[in-house]
PDB file of N, CA and C in Angstrom:
ATOM      1  N   UNK A   1     -15.305  -1.535  -6.061  1.00  0.00           N
ATOM      2  CA  UNK A   1     -15.130  -0.040  -5.990  1.00  0.00           C
ATOM      3  C   UNK A   1     -14.149   0.357  -4.851  1.00  0.00           C
ATOM      4  N   UNK A   2     -13.380   1.246  -5.025  1.00  0.00           N
ATOM      5  CA  UNK A   2     -12.790   1.640  -3.917  1.00  0.00           C
ATOM      6  C   UNK A   2     -12.925   3.020  -3.564  1.00  0.00           C
ATOM      7  N   UNK A   3     -13.315   3.375  -2.191  1.00  0.00           N
ATOM      8  CA  UNK A   3     -13.763   4.765  -1.925  1.00  0.00           C
ATOM      9  C   UNK A   3     -12.730   5.408  -0.993  1.00  0.00           C
ATOM     10  N   UNK A   4     -12.288   6.831  -1.282  1.00  0.00           N
ATOM     11  CA  UNK A   4     -11.373   7.519  -0.235  1.00  0.00           C
ATOM     12  C   UNK A   4     -11.772   8.605   0.409  1.00  0.00           C
ATOM     13  N   UNK A   5     -11.989   8.391   1.593  1.00  0.00           N
ATOM     14  CA  UNK A   5     -12.696   9.504   2.614  1.00  0.00           C
ATOM     15  C   UNK A   5     -11.795  10.811   2.234  1.00  0.00           C
ATOM     16  N   UNK A   6     -12.589  11.883   2.795  1.00  0.00           N
ATOM     17  CA  UNK A   6     -12.100  13.305   2.784  1.00  0.00           C
ATOM     18  C   UNK A   6     -10.897  13.334   3.604  1.00  0.00           C
ATOM     19  N   UNK A   7      -9.926  14.140   3.071  1.00  0.00           N
ATOM     20  CA  UNK A   7      -8.832  14.399   4.112  1.00  0.00           C
ATOM     21  C   UNK A   7      -7.762  13.244   4.165  1.00  0.00           C
ATOM     22  N   UNK A   8      -8.100  12.191   3.523  1.00  0.00           N
ATOM     23  CA  UNK A   8      -7.211  11.085   3.651  1.00  0.00           C
ATOM     24  C   UNK A   8      -5.954  11.389   2.817  1.00  0.00           C
ATOM     25  N   UNK A   9      -4.595  10.760   3.257  1.00  0.00           N
ATOM     26  CA  UNK A   9      -3.362  11.090   2.459  1.00  0.00           C
ATOM     27  C   UNK A   9      -2.905   9.587   2.055  1.00  0.00           C
ATOM     28  N   UNK A  10      -2.669   9.569   0.762  1.00  0.00           N
ATOM     29  CA  UNK A  10      -2.031   8.380   0.062  1.00  0.00           C
ATOM     30  C   UNK A  10      -0.703   8.688  -0.216  1.00  0.00           C
ATOM     31  N   UNK A  11       0.300   7.950   0.501  1.00  0.00           N
ATOM     32  CA  UNK A  11       1.747   8.201   0.154  1.00  0.00           C
ATOM     33  C   UNK A  11       1.963   7.857  -1.293  1.00  0.00           C
ATOM     34  N   UNK A  12       3.128   8.233  -1.821  1.00  0.00           N
ATOM     35  CA  UNK A  12       3.555   7.942  -3.214  1.00  0.00           C
ATOM     36  C   UNK A  12       3.853   6.385  -3.402  1.00  0.00           C
ATOM     37  N   UNK A  13       3.572   5.970  -4.606  1.00  0.00           N
ATOM     38  CA  UNK A  13       3.960   4.458  -5.109  1.00  0.00           C
ATOM     39  C   UNK A  13       3.203   3.495  -4.169  1.00  0.00           C
ATOM     40  N   UNK A  14       1.968   3.964  -3.849  1.00  0.00           N
ATOM     41  CA  UNK A  14       0.818   3.101  -3.175  1.00  0.00           C
ATOM     42  C   UNK A  14       0.104   2.355  -4.109  1.00  0.00           C
ATOM     43  N   UNK A  15      -0.066   1.175  -3.876  1.00  0.00           N
ATOM     44  CA  UNK A  15      -1.208   0.396  -4.606  1.00  0.00           C
ATOM     45  C   UNK A  15      -2.313   0.083  -3.729  1.00  0.00           C
ATOM     46  N   UNK A  16      -3.508   0.301  -4.041  1.00  0.00           N
ATOM     47  CA  UNK A  16      -4.832  -0.081  -3.515  1.00  0.00           C
ATOM     48  C   UNK A  16      -5.381  -0.930  -4.184  1.00  0.00           C
ATOM     49  N   UNK A  17      -5.578  -2.235  -3.646  1.00  0.00           N
ATOM     50  CA  UNK A  17      -6.523  -3.385  -4.209  1.00  0.00           C
ATOM     51  C   UNK A  17      -7.990  -3.377  -4.108  1.00  0.00           C
ATOM     52  N   UNK A  18      -8.604  -3.024  -4.886  1.00  0.00           N
ATOM     53  CA  UNK A  18     -10.142  -2.757  -4.739  1.00  0.00           C
ATOM     54  C   UNK A  18     -10.854  -4.248  -4.551  1.00  0.00           C
ATOM     55  N   UNK A  19     -11.732  -4.261  -3.750  1.00  0.00           N
ATOM     56  CA  UNK A  19     -12.560  -3.081  -3.355  1.00  0.00           C
ATOM     57  C   UNK A  19     -12.129  -2.962  -1.949  1.00  0.00           C
ATOM     58  N   UNK A  20     -11.888  -1.707  -1.730  1.00  0.00           N
ATOM     59  CA  UNK A  20     -11.320  -1.240  -0.391  1.00  0.00           C
ATOM     60  C   UNK A  20     -11.694   0.218   0.046  1.00  0.00           C
ATOM     61  N   UNK A  21     -11.873   0.467   1.202  1.00  0.00           N
ATOM     62  CA  UNK A  21     -12.362   1.864   1.820  1.00  0.00           C
ATOM     63  C   UNK A  21     -11.336   2.430   2.527  1.00  0.00           C
ATOM     64  N   UNK A  22     -10.945   3.504   2.298  1.00  0.00           N
ATOM     65  CA  UNK A  22     -10.038   4.418   3.015  1.00  0.00           C
ATOM     66  C   UNK A  22     -10.710   5.329   3.639  1.00  0.00           C
ATOM     67  N   UNK A  23     -10.901   5.419   4.993  1.00  0.00           N
ATOM     68  CA  UNK A  23     -11.564   6.156   5.857  1.00  0.00           C
ATOM     69  C   UNK A  23     -11.053   7.655   5.672  1.00  0.00           C
ATOM     70  N   UNK A  24     -11.780   8.536   6.417  1.00  0.00           N
ATOM     71  CA  UNK A  24     -11.464  10.067   6.618  1.00  0.00           C
ATOM     72  C   UNK A  24     -10.328  10.162   7.291  1.00  0.00           C
ATOM     73  N   UNK A  25      -9.531  10.990   6.905  1.00  0.00           N
ATOM     74  CA  UNK A  25      -8.163  11.461   7.554  1.00  0.00           C
ATOM     75  C   UNK A  25      -7.299  10.299   7.925  1.00  0.00           C
ATOM     76  N   UNK A  26      -7.503   9.059   6.953  1.00  0.00           N
ATOM     77  CA  UNK A  26      -6.433   8.084   7.007  1.00  0.00           C
ATOM     78  C   UNK A  26      -5.230   8.407   6.595  1.00  0.00           C
ATOM     79  N   UNK A  27      -4.235   7.726   6.676  1.00  0.00           N
ATOM     80  CA  UNK A  27      -2.782   8.007   6.190  1.00  0.00           C
ATOM     81  C   UNK A  27      -2.529   6.738   5.803  1.00  0.00           C
ATOM     82  N   UNK A  28      -2.002   6.556   4.622  1.00  0.00           N
ATOM     83  CA  UNK A  28      -1.301   5.207   3.971  1.00  0.00           C
ATOM     84  C   UNK A  28       0.153   5.597   3.590  1.00  0.00           C
ATOM     85  N   UNK A  29       0.920   4.762   4.228  1.00  0.00           N
ATOM     86  CA  UNK A  29       2.450   4.850   4.054  1.00  0.00           C
ATOM     87  C   UNK A  29       2.847   4.887   2.660  1.00  0.00           C
ATOM     88  N   UNK A  30       3.781   5.454   2.243  1.00  0.00           N
ATOM     89  CA  UNK A  30       4.414   5.406   0.888  1.00  0.00           C
ATOM     90  C   UNK A  30       4.971   4.037   0.545  1.00  0.00           C
ATOM     91  N   UNK A  31       4.336   3.602  -0.680  1.00  0.00           N
ATOM     92  CA  UNK A  31       5.035   2.189  -1.230  1.00  0.00           C
ATOM     93  C   UNK A  31       4.222   1.003  -0.781  1.00  0.00           C
ATOM     94  N   UNK A  32       3.179   1.372  -0.019  1.00  0.00           N
ATOM     95  CA  UNK A  32       2.426   0.219   0.571  1.00  0.00           C
ATOM     96  C   UNK A  32       1.416  -0.346  -0.346  1.00  0.00           C
ATOM     97  N   UNK A  33       1.159  -1.624  -0.383  1.00  0.00           N
ATOM     98  CA  UNK A  33       0.133  -2.355  -0.850  1.00  0.00           C
ATOM     99  C   UNK A  33      -0.960  -2.505  -0.073  1.00  0.00           C
ATOM    100  N   UNK A  34      -2.155  -2.007  -0.219  1.00  0.00           N
ATOM    101  CA  UNK A  34      -3.384  -1.940   0.742  1.00  0.00           C
ATOM    102  C   UNK A  34      -4.295  -3.025   0.323  1.00  0.00           C
ATOM    103  N   UNK A  35      -4.871  -3.948   1.110  1.00  0.00           N
ATOM    104  CA  UNK A  35      -5.787  -4.930   0.477  1.00  0.00           C
ATOM    105  C   UNK A  35      -6.835  -5.050   1.383  1.00  0.00           C
ATOM    106  N   UNK A  36      -6.884  -4.336   2.508  1.00  0.00           N
ATOM    107  CA  UNK A  36      -8.032  -4.237   3.668  1.00  0.00           C
ATOM    108  C   UNK A  36      -8.259  -2.794   3.673  1.00  0.00           C
ATOM    109  N   UNK A  37      -9.755  -2.699   4.490  1.00  0.00           N
ATOM    110  CA  UNK A  37     -10.344  -1.262   4.528  1.00  0.00           C
ATOM    111  C   UNK A  37      -9.341  -0.713   5.828  1.00  0.00           C
ATOM    112  N   UNK A  38      -9.146   0.664   5.621  1.00  0.00           N
ATOM    113  CA  UNK A  38      -8.505   1.427   6.511  1.00  0.00           C
ATOM    114  C   UNK A  38      -9.451   2.274   7.258  1.00  0.00           C
ATOM    115  N   UNK A  39     -10.003   2.213   8.517  1.00  0.00           N
ATOM    116  CA  UNK A  39     -10.926   2.948   9.022  1.00  0.00           C
ATOM    117  C   UNK A  39     -10.424   4.346   9.330  1.00  0.00           C
ATOM    118  N   UNK A  40     -11.421   5.332   9.588  1.00  0.00           N
ATOM    119  CA  UNK A  40     -11.078   6.902   9.748  1.00  0.00           C
ATOM    120  C   UNK A  40      -9.987   7.085  10.706  1.00  0.00           C
ATOM    121  N   UNK A  41      -9.302   7.821  10.367  1.00  0.00           N
ATOM    122  CA  UNK A  41      -8.159   8.520  11.320  1.00  0.00           C
ATOM    123  C   UNK A  41      -6.929   7.481  11.617  1.00  0.00           C
ATOM    124  N   UNK A  42      -6.975   6.467  10.972  1.00  0.00           N
ATOM    125  CA  UNK A  42      -6.073   5.312  11.296  1.00  0.00           C
ATOM    126  C   UNK A  42      -4.713   5.496  10.185  1.00  0.00           C
ATOM    127  N   UNK A  43      -3.669   5.087  10.470  1.00  0.00           N
ATOM    128  CA  UNK A  43      -2.438   4.856   9.561  1.00  0.00           C
ATOM    129  C   UNK A  43      -2.143   3.377   9.204  1.00  0.00           C
ATOM    130  N   UNK A  44      -1.988   3.188   7.961  1.00  0.00           N
ATOM    131  CA  UNK A  44      -2.037   1.883   7.458  1.00  0.00           C
ATOM    132  C   UNK A  44      -0.527   1.798   6.579  1.00  0.00           C
ATOM    133  N   UNK A  45       0.357   0.762   6.877  1.00  0.00           N
ATOM    134  CA  UNK A  45       1.531   0.606   6.077  1.00  0.00           C
ATOM    135  C   UNK A  45       1.599  -0.905   5.789  1.00  0.00           C
ATOM    136  N   UNK A  46       2.204  -1.116   4.668  1.00  0.00           N
ATOM    137  CA  UNK A  46       2.477  -2.554   4.304  1.00  0.00           C
ATOM    138  C   UNK A  46       3.675  -2.822   3.602  1.00  0.00           C
ATOM    139  N   UNK A  47       4.470  -3.673   4.012  1.00  0.00           N
ATOM    140  CA  UNK A  47       5.714  -3.828   3.840  1.00  0.00           C
ATOM    141  C   UNK A  47       6.087  -5.315   3.564  1.00  0.00           C
ATOM    142  N   UNK A  48       6.651  -5.680   2.476  1.00  0.00           N
ATOM    143  CA  UNK A  48       6.976  -7.297   2.278  1.00  0.00           C
ATOM    144  C   UNK A  48       8.506  -7.400   2.812  1.00  0.00           C
ATOM    145  N   UNK A  49       8.796  -8.673   3.157  1.00  0.00           N
ATOM    146  CA  UNK A  49      10.004  -9.055   3.641  1.00  0.00           C
ATOM    147  C   UNK A  49      11.023  -9.126   2.552  1.00  0.00           C
ATOM    148  N   UNK A  50      12.128  -8.532   2.606  1.00  0.00           N
ATOM    149  CA  UNK A  50      13.124  -8.403   1.413  1.00  0.00           C
ATOM    150  C   UNK A  50      13.586  -9.964   1.399  1.00  0.00           C
ATOM    151  N   UNK A  51      13.838 -10.240   0.190  1.00  0.00           N
ATOM    152  CA  UNK A  51      14.530 -11.654  -0.236  1.00  0.00           C
ATOM    153  C   UNK A  51      15.447 -11.446  -1.232  1.00  0.00           C
ATOM    154  N   UNK A  52      16.662 -11.821  -1.022  1.00  0.00           N
ATOM    155  CA  UNK A  52      17.669 -11.565  -2.014  1.00  0.00           C
ATOM    156  C   UNK A  52      17.852 -12.997  -2.611  1.00  0.00           C
ATOM    157  N   UNK A  53      17.883 -12.895  -4.046  1.00  0.00           N
ATOM    158  CA  UNK A  53      18.238 -14.430  -4.466  1.00  0.00           C
ATOM    159  C   UNK A  53      19.605 -14.252  -5.466  1.00  0.00           C
ATOM    160  N   UNK A  54      20.235 -15.352  -5.386  1.00  0.00           N
ATOM    161  CA  UNK A  54      21.489 -15.311  -5.979  1.00  0.00           C
ATOM    162  C   UNK A  54      21.435 -15.513  -7.581  1.00  0.00           C
ATOM    163  N   UNK A  55      21.987 -14.697  -8.299  1.00  0.00           N
ATOM    164  CA  UNK A  55      21.637 -14.868  -9.917  1.00  0.00           C
ATOM    165  C   UNK A  55      22.697 -15.506 -10.511  1.00  0.00           C
ATOM    166  N   UNK A  56      22.366 -16.437 -11.300  1.00  0.00           N
ATOM    167  CA  UNK A  56      23.152 -16.977 -12.361  1.00  0.00           C
ATOM    168  C   UNK A  56      23.105 -16.467 -13.615  1.00  0.00           C
ATOM    169  N   UNK A  57      24.493 -15.952 -13.831  1.00  0.00           N
ATOM    170  CA  UNK A  57      24.519 -15.385 -15.130  1.00  0.00           C
ATOM    171  C   UNK A  57      25.072 -16.206 -16.230  1.00  0.00           C
ATOM    172  N   UNK A  58      24.349 -16.119 -17.588  1.00  0.00           N
ATOM    173  CA  UNK A  58      24.863 -16.930 -18.704  1.00  0.00           C
ATOM    174  C   UNK A  58      26.234 -16.451 -19.157  1.00  0.00           C
ATOM    175  N   UNK A  59      27.040 -17.421 -19.468  1.00  0.00           N
ATOM    176  CA  UNK A  59      28.164 -16.925 -20.159  1.00  0.00           C
ATOM    177  C   UNK A  59      28.027 -16.857 -21.795  1.00  0.00           C
ATOM    178  N   UNK A  60      28.488 -15.882 -22.361  1.00  0.00           N
ATOM    179  CA  UNK A  60      28.116 -15.675 -23.836  1.00  0.00           C
ATOM    180  C   UNK A  60      28.988 -16.348 -24.622  1.00  0.00           C
TER     181      UNK A  60
END
């Protein structure tokens, strides 16, 4: 179960992986994937490293 404290702000396109507790007045950065508890009044951001892969296109 995930609980979100009063006054917490969850940015758009955020994924919260249960179980997780988001504290009172916590702030979650947009686009983050949150996998750990966020204490009261803290800010959490989670960003993955960008990887570019060369594509091989099939010829028709």
